[in-house]
Amino acid sequence: MTGYKPKTTFWEDFSIAELFGRKAIEETFNRAFSEWRTNYIYLTELVLVLNWKIWLWYEENGTIAEQYKRLYETADQYAIENLRGEARQYFLKTTD
């Protein structure tokens, strides 16, 4: 749909977590963010997936959409504050 070719299984990971509820979504985020926040390509994809999940759940379940929004804001803010140089350019171009 967007032309972006995934490099991780984040979409699938969160889709599986959704079957088990909000706590599983939170745990999936915590694990992914903790392990991959220093990899700017994976961090970028995590931010993309969280954004897409907000829109997926927006009309169907506002509580889950809000949870994804909070997680998105955490990851996005981290990226904005910590990425520099080529990593920052990649993040901004890809998430634009």
PDB file of N, CA and C in Angstrom:
ATOM      1  N   MET A   1       0.814  -1.190   0.000  1.00  0.00           N
ATOM      2  CA  MET A   1       0.000   0.000   0.000  1.00  0.00           C
ATOM      3  C   MET A   1       0.860   1.258   0.000  1.00  0.00           C
ATOM      4  N   THR A   2       1.936   1.276   0.764  1.00  0.00           N
ATOM      5  CA  THR A   2       2.771   2.471   0.822  1.00  0.00           C
ATOM      6  C   THR A   2       4.042   2.333   0.002  1.00  0.00           C
ATOM      7  N   GLY A   3       4.336   1.134  -0.458  1.00  0.00           N
ATOM      8  CA  GLY A   3       5.573   0.896  -1.174  1.00  0.00           C
ATOM      9  C   GLY A   3       6.724   0.516  -0.263  1.00  0.00           C
ATOM     10  N   TYR A   4       6.511   0.598   1.038  1.00  0.00           N
ATOM     11  CA  TYR A   4       7.550   0.232   1.999  1.00  0.00           C
ATOM     12  C   TYR A   4       7.656  -1.286   2.073  1.00  0.00           C
ATOM     13  N   LYS A   5       8.890  -1.799   2.019  1.00  0.00           N
ATOM     14  CA  LYS A   5       9.119  -3.233   2.123  1.00  0.00           C
ATOM     15  C   LYS A   5       9.623  -3.554   3.533  1.00  0.00           C
ATOM     16  N   PRO A   6       8.826  -4.294   4.312  1.00  0.00           N
ATOM     17  CA  PRO A   6       9.197  -4.587   5.706  1.00  0.00           C
ATOM     18  C   PRO A   6      10.530  -5.322   5.839  1.00  0.00           C
ATOM     19  N   LYS A   7      11.228  -4.990   6.904  1.00  0.00           N
ATOM     20  CA  LYS A   7      12.511  -5.613   7.218  1.00  0.00           C
ATOM     21  C   LYS A   7      12.425  -6.424   8.510  1.00  0.00           C
ATOM     22  N   THR A   8      11.293  -6.313   9.199  1.00  0.00           N
ATOM     23  CA  THR A   8      11.098  -6.997  10.474  1.00  0.00           C
ATOM     24  C   THR A   8       9.767  -7.738  10.459  1.00  0.00           C
ATOM     25  N   THR A   9       9.476  -8.374  11.582  1.00  0.00           N
ATOM     26  CA  THR A   9       8.177  -9.032  11.760  1.00  0.00           C
ATOM     27  C   THR A   9       7.295  -8.230  12.722  1.00  0.00           C
ATOM     28  N   PHE A  10       7.568  -6.948  12.896  1.00  0.00           N
ATOM     29  CA  PHE A  10       6.817  -6.146  13.862  1.00  0.00           C
ATOM     30  C   PHE A  10       5.310  -6.181  13.602  1.00  0.00           C
ATOM     31  N   TRP A  11       4.901  -6.047  12.354  1.00  0.00           N
ATOM     32  CA  TRP A  11       3.456  -6.065  12.050  1.00  0.00           C
ATOM     33  C   TRP A  11       2.838  -7.371  12.533  1.00  0.00           C
ATOM     34  N   GLU A  12       3.466  -8.474  12.195  1.00  0.00           N
ATOM     35  CA  GLU A  12       2.956  -9.774  12.601  1.00  0.00           C
ATOM     36  C   GLU A  12       3.007  -9.939  14.117  1.00  0.00           C
ATOM     37  N   ASP A  13       4.089  -9.485  14.734  1.00  0.00           N
ATOM     38  CA  ASP A  13       4.240  -9.591  16.186  1.00  0.00           C
ATOM     39  C   ASP A  13       3.099  -8.873  16.910  1.00  0.00           C
ATOM     40  N   PHE A  14       2.806  -7.663  16.491  1.00  0.00           N
ATOM     41  CA  PHE A  14       1.716  -6.921  17.130  1.00  0.00           C
ATOM     42  C   PHE A  14       0.352  -7.519  16.793  1.00  0.00           C
ATOM     43  N   SER A  15       0.201  -8.034  15.593  1.00  0.00           N
ATOM     44  CA  SER A  15      -1.069  -8.672  15.228  1.00  0.00           C
ATOM     45  C   SER A  15      -1.337  -9.890  16.097  1.00  0.00           C
ATOM     46  N   ILE A  16      -0.319 -10.660  16.382  1.00  0.00           N
ATOM     47  CA  ILE A  16      -0.465 -11.808  17.288  1.00  0.00           C
ATOM     48  C   ILE A  16      -0.764 -11.323  18.698  1.00  0.00           C
ATOM     49  N   ALA A  17      -0.053 -10.314  19.153  1.00  0.00           N
ATOM     50  CA  ALA A  17      -0.262  -9.774  20.502  1.00  0.00           C
ATOM     51  C   ALA A  17      -1.697  -9.298  20.689  1.00  0.00           C
ATOM     52  N   GLU A  18      -2.272  -8.721  19.653  1.00  0.00           N
ATOM     53  CA  GLU A  18      -3.642  -8.212  19.742  1.00  0.00           C
ATOM     54  C   GLU A  18      -4.637  -9.313  20.113  1.00  0.00           C
ATOM     55  N   LEU A  19      -4.350 -10.523  19.703  1.00  0.00           N
ATOM     56  CA  LEU A  19      -5.229 -11.648  20.035  1.00  0.00           C
ATOM     57  C   LEU A  19      -5.265 -11.914  21.535  1.00  0.00           C
ATOM     58  N   PHE A  20      -4.232 -11.472  22.238  1.00  0.00           N
ATOM     59  CA  PHE A  20      -4.108 -11.733  23.667  1.00  0.00           C
ATOM     60  C   PHE A  20      -4.368 -10.504  24.536  1.00  0.00           C
ATOM     61  N   GLY A  21      -4.645  -9.374  23.912  1.00  0.00           N
ATOM     62  CA  GLY A  21      -5.058  -8.205  24.665  1.00  0.00           C
ATOM     63  C   GLY A  21      -4.001  -7.137  24.837  1.00  0.00           C
ATOM     64  N   ARG A  22      -4.408  -6.115  25.561  1.00  0.00           N
ATOM     65  CA  ARG A  22      -3.583  -4.915  25.716  1.00  0.00           C
ATOM     66  C   ARG A  22      -2.265  -5.176  26.428  1.00  0.00           C
ATOM     67  N   LYS A  23      -2.272  -6.058  27.406  1.00  0.00           N
ATOM     68  CA  LYS A  23      -1.026  -6.360  28.114  1.00  0.00           C
ATOM     69  C   LYS A  23      -0.009  -6.980  27.159  1.00  0.00           C
ATOM     70  N   ALA A  24      -0.464  -7.851  26.276  1.00  0.00           N
ATOM     71  CA  ALA A  24       0.430  -8.481  25.305  1.00  0.00           C
ATOM     72  C   ALA A  24       0.973  -7.458  24.306  1.00  0.00           C
ATOM     73  N   ILE A  25       0.150  -6.496  23.928  1.00  0.00           N
ATOM     74  CA  ILE A  25       0.610  -5.422  23.040  1.00  0.00           C
ATOM     75  C   ILE A  25       1.723  -4.643  23.728  1.00  0.00           C
ATOM     76  N   GLU A  26       1.503  -4.322  24.995  1.00  0.00           N
ATOM     77  CA  GLU A  26       2.498  -3.573  25.766  1.00  0.00           C
ATOM     78  C   GLU A  26       3.803  -4.361  25.879  1.00  0.00           C
ATOM     79  N   GLU A  27       3.704  -5.635  26.178  1.00  0.00           N
ATOM     80  CA  GLU A  27       4.898  -6.479  26.310  1.00  0.00           C
ATOM     81  C   GLU A  27       5.642  -6.595  24.992  1.00  0.00           C
ATOM     82  N   THR A  28       4.899  -6.699  23.907  1.00  0.00           N
ATOM     83  CA  THR A  28       5.519  -6.782  22.581  1.00  0.00           C
ATOM     84  C   THR A  28       6.274  -5.496  22.278  1.00  0.00           C
ATOM     85  N   PHE A  29       5.658  -4.361  22.580  1.00  0.00           N
ATOM     86  CA  PHE A  29       6.348  -3.088  22.385  1.00  0.00           C
ATOM     87  C   PHE A  29       7.605  -3.006  23.246  1.00  0.00           C
ATOM     88  N   ASN A  30       7.472  -3.310  24.519  1.00  0.00           N
ATOM     89  CA  ASN A  30       8.616  -3.205  25.426  1.00  0.00           C
ATOM     90  C   ASN A  30       9.786  -4.060  24.951  1.00  0.00           C
ATOM     91  N   ARG A  31       9.495  -5.256  24.508  1.00  0.00           N
ATOM     92  CA  ARG A  31      10.539  -6.154  24.018  1.00  0.00           C
ATOM     93  C   ARG A  31      11.176  -5.600  22.737  1.00  0.00           C
ATOM     94  N   ALA A  32      10.356  -5.197  21.778  1.00  0.00           N
ATOM     95  CA  ALA A  32      10.872  -4.683  20.505  1.00  0.00           C
ATOM     96  C   ALA A  32      11.660  -3.388  20.708  1.00  0.00           C
ATOM     97  N   PHE A  33      11.103  -2.481  21.481  1.00  0.00           N
ATOM     98  CA  PHE A  33      11.754  -1.190  21.688  1.00  0.00           C
ATOM     99  C   PHE A  33      13.075  -1.365  22.435  1.00  0.00           C
ATOM    100  N   SER A  34      13.064  -2.179  23.453  1.00  0.00           N
ATOM    101  CA  SER A  34      14.273  -2.413  24.235  1.00  0.00           C
ATOM    102  C   SER A  34      15.387  -3.028  23.389  1.00  0.00           C
ATOM    103  N   GLU A  35      15.004  -3.974  22.559  1.00  0.00           N
ATOM    104  CA  GLU A  35      16.012  -4.691  21.777  1.00  0.00           C
ATOM    105  C   GLU A  35      16.469  -3.926  20.538  1.00  0.00           C
ATOM    106  N   TRP A  36      15.597  -3.149  19.917  1.00  0.00           N
ATOM    107  CA  TRP A  36      15.901  -2.580  18.600  1.00  0.00           C
ATOM    108  C   TRP A  36      15.993  -1.069  18.541  1.00  0.00           C
ATOM    109  N   ARG A  37      15.864  -0.359  19.646  1.00  0.00           N
ATOM    110  CA  ARG A  37      15.890   1.114  19.573  1.00  0.00           C
ATOM    111  C   ARG A  37      17.234   1.669  19.114  1.00  0.00           C
ATOM    112  N   THR A  38      18.300   0.883  19.212  1.00  0.00           N
ATOM    113  CA  THR A  38      19.603   1.372  18.750  1.00  0.00           C
ATOM    114  C   THR A  38      19.859   1.057  17.276  1.00  0.00           C
ATOM    115  N   ASN A  39      18.949   0.350  16.638  1.00  0.00           N
ATOM    116  CA  ASN A  39      19.042   0.059  15.211  1.00  0.00           C
ATOM    117  C   ASN A  39      18.067   1.002  14.500  1.00  0.00           C
ATOM    118  N   TYR A  40      18.586   2.040  13.876  1.00  0.00           N
ATOM    119  CA  TYR A  40      17.704   3.083  13.341  1.00  0.00           C
ATOM    120  C   TYR A  40      16.746   2.577  12.268  1.00  0.00           C
ATOM    121  N   ILE A  41      17.135   1.575  11.513  1.00  0.00           N
ATOM    122  CA  ILE A  41      16.232   1.036  10.488  1.00  0.00           C
ATOM    123  C   ILE A  41      15.061   0.311  11.151  1.00  0.00           C
ATOM    124  N   TYR A  42      15.348  -0.492  12.143  1.00  0.00           N
ATOM    125  CA  TYR A  42      14.286  -1.217  12.849  1.00  0.00           C
ATOM    126  C   TYR A  42      13.446  -0.264  13.699  1.00  0.00           C
ATOM    127  N   LEU A  43      14.076   0.722  14.310  1.00  0.00           N
ATOM    128  CA  LEU A  43      13.325   1.716  15.071  1.00  0.00           C
ATOM    129  C   LEU A  43      12.352   2.456  14.153  1.00  0.00           C
ATOM    130  N   THR A  44      12.812   2.799  12.971  1.00  0.00           N
ATOM    131  CA  THR A  44      11.953   3.469  11.994  1.00  0.00           C
ATOM    132  C   THR A  44      10.756   2.600  11.659  1.00  0.00           C
ATOM    133  N   GLU A  45      11.009   1.323  11.416  1.00  0.00           N
ATOM    134  CA  GLU A  45       9.897   0.429  11.081  1.00  0.00           C
ATOM    135  C   GLU A  45       8.953   0.262  12.267  1.00  0.00           C
ATOM    136  N   LEU A  46       9.474   0.218  13.457  1.00  0.00           N
ATOM    137  CA  LEU A  46       8.612   0.128  14.640  1.00  0.00           C
ATOM    138  C   LEU A  46       7.674   1.330  14.697  1.00  0.00           C
ATOM    139  N   VAL A  47       8.190   2.509  14.464  1.00  0.00           N
ATOM    140  CA  VAL A  47       7.362   3.720  14.461  1.00  0.00           C
ATOM    141  C   VAL A  47       6.303   3.641  13.360  1.00  0.00           C
ATOM    142  N   LEU A  48       6.681   3.185  12.189  1.00  0.00           N
ATOM    143  CA  LEU A  48       5.714   3.038  11.094  1.00  0.00           C
ATOM    144  C   LEU A  48       4.594   2.078  11.472  1.00  0.00           C
ATOM    145  N   VAL A  49       4.965   0.925  11.984  1.00  0.00           N
ATOM    146  CA  VAL A  49       3.970  -0.099  12.333  1.00  0.00           C
ATOM    147  C   VAL A  49       3.020   0.423  13.406  1.00  0.00           C
ATOM    148  N   LEU A  50       3.553   1.079  14.412  1.00  0.00           N
ATOM    149  CA  LEU A  50       2.691   1.624  15.465  1.00  0.00           C
ATOM    150  C   LEU A  50       1.714   2.646  14.891  1.00  0.00           C
ATOM    151  N   ASN A  51       2.171   3.477  13.984  1.00  0.00           N
ATOM    152  CA  ASN A  51       1.295   4.454  13.336  1.00  0.00           C
ATOM    153  C   ASN A  51       0.205   3.760  12.528  1.00  0.00           C
ATOM    154  N   TRP A  52       0.583   2.762  11.758  1.00  0.00           N
ATOM    155  CA  TRP A  52      -0.410   2.026  10.967  1.00  0.00           C
ATOM    156  C   TRP A  52      -1.435   1.347  11.869  1.00  0.00           C
ATOM    157  N   LYS A  53      -0.986   0.833  13.005  1.00  0.00           N
ATOM    158  CA  LYS A  53      -1.897   0.164  13.937  1.00  0.00           C
ATOM    159  C   LYS A  53      -2.880   1.157  14.562  1.00  0.00           C
ATOM    160  N   ILE A  54      -2.457   2.383  14.794  1.00  0.00           N
ATOM    161  CA  ILE A  54      -3.387   3.400  15.292  1.00  0.00           C
ATOM    162  C   ILE A  54      -4.560   3.514  14.336  1.00  0.00           C
ATOM    163  N   TRP A  55      -4.238   3.672  13.055  1.00  0.00           N
ATOM    164  CA  TRP A  55      -5.283   3.873  12.051  1.00  0.00           C
ATOM    165  C   TRP A  55      -6.116   2.618  11.832  1.00  0.00           C
ATOM    166  N   LEU A  56      -5.517   1.467  11.972  1.00  0.00           N
ATOM    167  CA  LEU A  56      -6.257   0.213  11.829  1.00  0.00           C
ATOM    168  C   LEU A  56      -7.336   0.092  12.908  1.00  0.00           C
ATOM    169  N   TRP A  57      -6.999   0.488  14.128  1.00  0.00           N
ATOM    170  CA  TRP A  57      -7.908   0.314  15.261  1.00  0.00           C
ATOM    171  C   TRP A  57      -8.764   1.537  15.561  1.00  0.00           C
ATOM    172  N   TYR A  58      -8.493   2.652  14.912  1.00  0.00           N
ATOM    173  CA  TYR A  58      -9.125   3.930  15.245  1.00  0.00           C
ATOM    174  C   TYR A  58     -10.645   3.843  15.384  1.00  0.00           C
ATOM    175  N   GLU A  59     -11.328   3.278  14.414  1.00  0.00           N
ATOM    176  CA  GLU A  59     -12.789   3.222  14.462  1.00  0.00           C
ATOM    177  C   GLU A  59     -13.305   1.973  15.166  1.00  0.00           C
ATOM    178  N   GLU A  60     -12.521   0.918  15.139  1.00  0.00           N
ATOM    179  CA  GLU A  60     -12.980  -0.360  15.687  1.00  0.00           C
ATOM    180  C   GLU A  60     -12.849  -0.454  17.209  1.00  0.00           C
ATOM    181  N   ASN A  61     -11.747   0.061  17.747  1.00  0.00           N
ATOM    182  CA  ASN A  61     -11.512  -0.047  19.185  1.00  0.00           C
ATOM    183  C   ASN A  61     -10.624   1.123  19.617  1.00  0.00           C
ATOM    184  N   GLY A  62     -11.274   2.162  20.120  1.00  0.00           N
ATOM    185  CA  GLY A  62     -10.561   3.374  20.506  1.00  0.00           C
ATOM    186  C   GLY A  62      -9.546   3.153  21.616  1.00  0.00           C
ATOM    187  N   THR A  63      -9.790   2.194  22.491  1.00  0.00           N
ATOM    188  CA  THR A  63      -8.859   1.925  23.585  1.00  0.00           C
ATOM    189  C   THR A  63      -7.543   1.379  23.053  1.00  0.00           C
ATOM    190  N   ILE A  64      -7.625   0.443  22.126  1.00  0.00           N
ATOM    191  CA  ILE A  64      -6.402  -0.104  21.528  1.00  0.00           C
ATOM    192  C   ILE A  64      -5.721   0.956  20.677  1.00  0.00           C
ATOM    193  N   ALA A  65      -6.490   1.742  19.947  1.00  0.00           N
ATOM    194  CA  ALA A  65      -5.907   2.823  19.141  1.00  0.00           C
ATOM    195  C   ALA A  65      -5.152   3.803  20.032  1.00  0.00           C
ATOM    196  N   GLU A  66      -5.715   4.136  21.179  1.00  0.00           N
ATOM    197  CA  GLU A  66      -5.044   5.046  22.115  1.00  0.00           C
ATOM    198  C   GLU A  66      -3.763   4.427  22.671  1.00  0.00           C
ATOM    199  N   GLN A  67      -3.804   3.131  22.928  1.00  0.00           N
ATOM    200  CA  GLN A  67      -2.601   2.453  23.408  1.00  0.00           C
ATOM    201  C   GLN A  67      -1.511   2.531  22.343  1.00  0.00           C
ATOM    202  N   TYR A  68      -1.861   2.230  21.102  1.00  0.00           N
ATOM    203  CA  TYR A  68      -0.884   2.331  20.019  1.00  0.00           C
ATOM    204  C   TYR A  68      -0.386   3.763  19.852  1.00  0.00           C
ATOM    205  N   LYS A  69      -1.255   4.732  20.040  1.00  0.00           N
ATOM    206  CA  LYS A  69      -0.834   6.142  19.933  1.00  0.00           C
ATOM    207  C   LYS A  69       0.210   6.468  20.996  1.00  0.00           C
ATOM    208  N   ARG A  70      -0.009   6.017  22.211  1.00  0.00           N
ATOM    209  CA  ARG A  70       0.944   6.263  23.292  1.00  0.00           C
ATOM    210  C   ARG A  70       2.286   5.597  22.996  1.00  0.00           C
ATOM    211  N   LEU A  71       2.245   4.364  22.510  1.00  0.00           N
ATOM    212  CA  LEU A  71       3.477   3.644  22.181  1.00  0.00           C
ATOM    213  C   LEU A  71       4.196   4.319  21.004  1.00  0.00           C
ATOM    214  N   TYR A  72       3.419   4.736  20.013  1.00  0.00           N
ATOM    215  CA  TYR A  72       3.974   5.461  18.870  1.00  0.00           C
ATOM    216  C   TYR A  72       4.698   6.734  19.340  1.00  0.00           C
ATOM    217  N   GLU A  73       4.052   7.495  20.192  1.00  0.00           N
ATOM    218  CA  GLU A  73       4.653   8.736  20.672  1.00  0.00           C
ATOM    219  C   GLU A  73       5.952   8.476  21.426  1.00  0.00           C
ATOM    220  N   THR A  74       6.001   7.403  22.187  1.00  0.00           N
ATOM    221  CA  THR A  74       7.221   7.038  22.909  1.00  0.00           C
ATOM    222  C   THR A  74       8.355   6.744  21.941  1.00  0.00           C
ATOM    223  N   ALA A  75       8.095   5.891  20.953  1.00  0.00           N
ATOM    224  CA  ALA A  75       9.135   5.498  19.991  1.00  0.00           C
ATOM    225  C   ALA A  75       9.527   6.657  19.088  1.00  0.00           C
ATOM    226  N   ASP A  76       8.547   7.419  18.625  1.00  0.00           N
ATOM    227  CA  ASP A  76       8.815   8.554  17.742  1.00  0.00           C
ATOM    228  C   ASP A  76       9.649   9.610  18.465  1.00  0.00           C
ATOM    229  N   GLN A  77       9.286   9.927  19.688  1.00  0.00           N
ATOM    230  CA  GLN A  77      10.025  10.931  20.462  1.00  0.00           C
ATOM    231  C   GLN A  77      11.462  10.473  20.705  1.00  0.00           C
ATOM    232  N   TYR A  78      11.627   9.199  21.017  1.00  0.00           N
ATOM    233  CA  TYR A  78      12.971   8.655  21.212  1.00  0.00           C
ATOM    234  C   TYR A  78      13.800   8.844  19.938  1.00  0.00           C
ATOM    235  N   ALA A  79      13.207   8.523  18.790  1.00  0.00           N
ATOM    236  CA  ALA A  79      13.918   8.651  17.515  1.00  0.00           C
ATOM    237  C   ALA A  79      14.307  10.104  17.253  1.00  0.00           C
ATOM    238  N   ILE A  80      13.361  11.007  17.437  1.00  0.00           N
ATOM    239  CA  ILE A  80      13.629  12.427  17.191  1.00  0.00           C
ATOM    240  C   ILE A  80      14.752  12.942  18.100  1.00  0.00           C
ATOM    241  N   GLU A  81      14.758  12.509  19.337  1.00  0.00           N
ATOM    242  CA  GLU A  81      15.746  13.006  20.297  1.00  0.00           C
ATOM    243  C   GLU A  81      17.111  12.341  20.166  1.00  0.00           C
ATOM    244  N   ASN A  82      17.177  11.150  19.597  1.00  0.00           N
ATOM    245  CA  ASN A  82      18.427  10.388  19.632  1.00  0.00           C
ATOM    246  C   ASN A  82      19.087  10.102  18.287  1.00  0.00           C
ATOM    247  N   LEU A  83      18.335  10.130  17.213  1.00  0.00           N
ATOM    248  CA  LEU A  83      18.955   9.836  15.920  1.00  0.00           C
ATOM    249  C   LEU A  83      19.661  11.069  15.372  1.00  0.00           C
ATOM    250  N   ARG A  84      20.807  10.838  14.774  1.00  0.00           N
ATOM    251  CA  ARG A  84      21.618  11.919  14.212  1.00  0.00           C
ATOM    252  C   ARG A  84      22.106  11.524  12.824  1.00  0.00           C
ATOM    253  N   GLY A  85      22.492  12.501  12.048  1.00  0.00           N
ATOM    254  CA  GLY A  85      23.127  12.262  10.759  1.00  0.00           C
ATOM    255  C   GLY A  85      22.294  11.409   9.814  1.00  0.00           C
ATOM    256  N   GLU A  86      22.951  10.424   9.209  1.00  0.00           N
ATOM    257  CA  GLU A  86      22.304   9.543   8.234  1.00  0.00           C
ATOM    258  C   GLU A  86      21.096   8.826   8.837  1.00  0.00           C
ATOM    259  N   ALA A  87      21.202   8.418  10.085  1.00  0.00           N
ATOM    260  CA  ALA A  87      20.100   7.724  10.755  1.00  0.00           C
ATOM    261  C   ALA A  87      18.872   8.625  10.854  1.00  0.00           C
ATOM    262  N   ARG A  88      19.087   9.872  11.205  1.00  0.00           N
ATOM    263  CA  ARG A  88      17.976  10.828  11.316  1.00  0.00           C
ATOM    264  C   ARG A  88      17.346  11.085   9.949  1.00  0.00           C
ATOM    265  N   GLN A  89      18.192  11.256   8.948  1.00  0.00           N
ATOM    266  CA  GLN A  89      17.687  11.483   7.585  1.00  0.00           C
ATOM    267  C   GLN A  89      16.843  10.310   7.116  1.00  0.00           C
ATOM    268  N   TYR A  90      17.325   9.099   7.354  1.00  0.00           N
ATOM    269  CA  TYR A  90      16.570   7.895   6.988  1.00  0.00           C
ATOM    270  C   TYR A  90      15.207   7.880   7.687  1.00  0.00           C
ATOM    271  N   PHE A  91      15.222   8.136   8.988  1.00  0.00           N
ATOM    272  CA  PHE A  91      13.985   8.132   9.761  1.00  0.00           C
ATOM    273  C   PHE A  91      12.990   9.155   9.219  1.00  0.00           C
ATOM    274  N   LEU A  92      13.447  10.373   9.021  1.00  0.00           N
ATOM    275  CA  LEU A  92      12.554  11.443   8.562  1.00  0.00           C
ATOM    276  C   LEU A  92      12.031  11.175   7.163  1.00  0.00           C
ATOM    277  N   LYS A  93      12.878  10.715   6.270  1.00  0.00           N
ATOM    278  CA  LYS A  93      12.441  10.430   4.904  1.00  0.00           C
ATOM    279  C   LYS A  93      11.451   9.274   4.873  1.00  0.00           C
ATOM    280  N   THR A  94      11.726   8.236   5.632  1.00  0.00           N
ATOM    281  CA  THR A  94      10.882   7.033   5.596  1.00  0.00           C
ATOM    282  C   THR A  94       9.543   7.270   6.274  1.00  0.00           C
ATOM    283  N   THR A  95       9.523   8.045   7.339  1.00  0.00           N
ATOM    284  CA  THR A  95       8.259   8.260   8.057  1.00  0.00           C
ATOM    285  C   THR A  95       7.462   9.432   7.522  1.00  0.00           C
ATOM    286  N   ASP A  96       8.009  10.172   6.572  1.00  0.00           N
ATOM    287  CA  ASP A  96       7.312  11.335   6.013  1.00  0.00           C
ATOM    288  C   ASP A  96       6.096  10.915   5.222  1.00  0.00           C
TER     289      ASP A  96
END
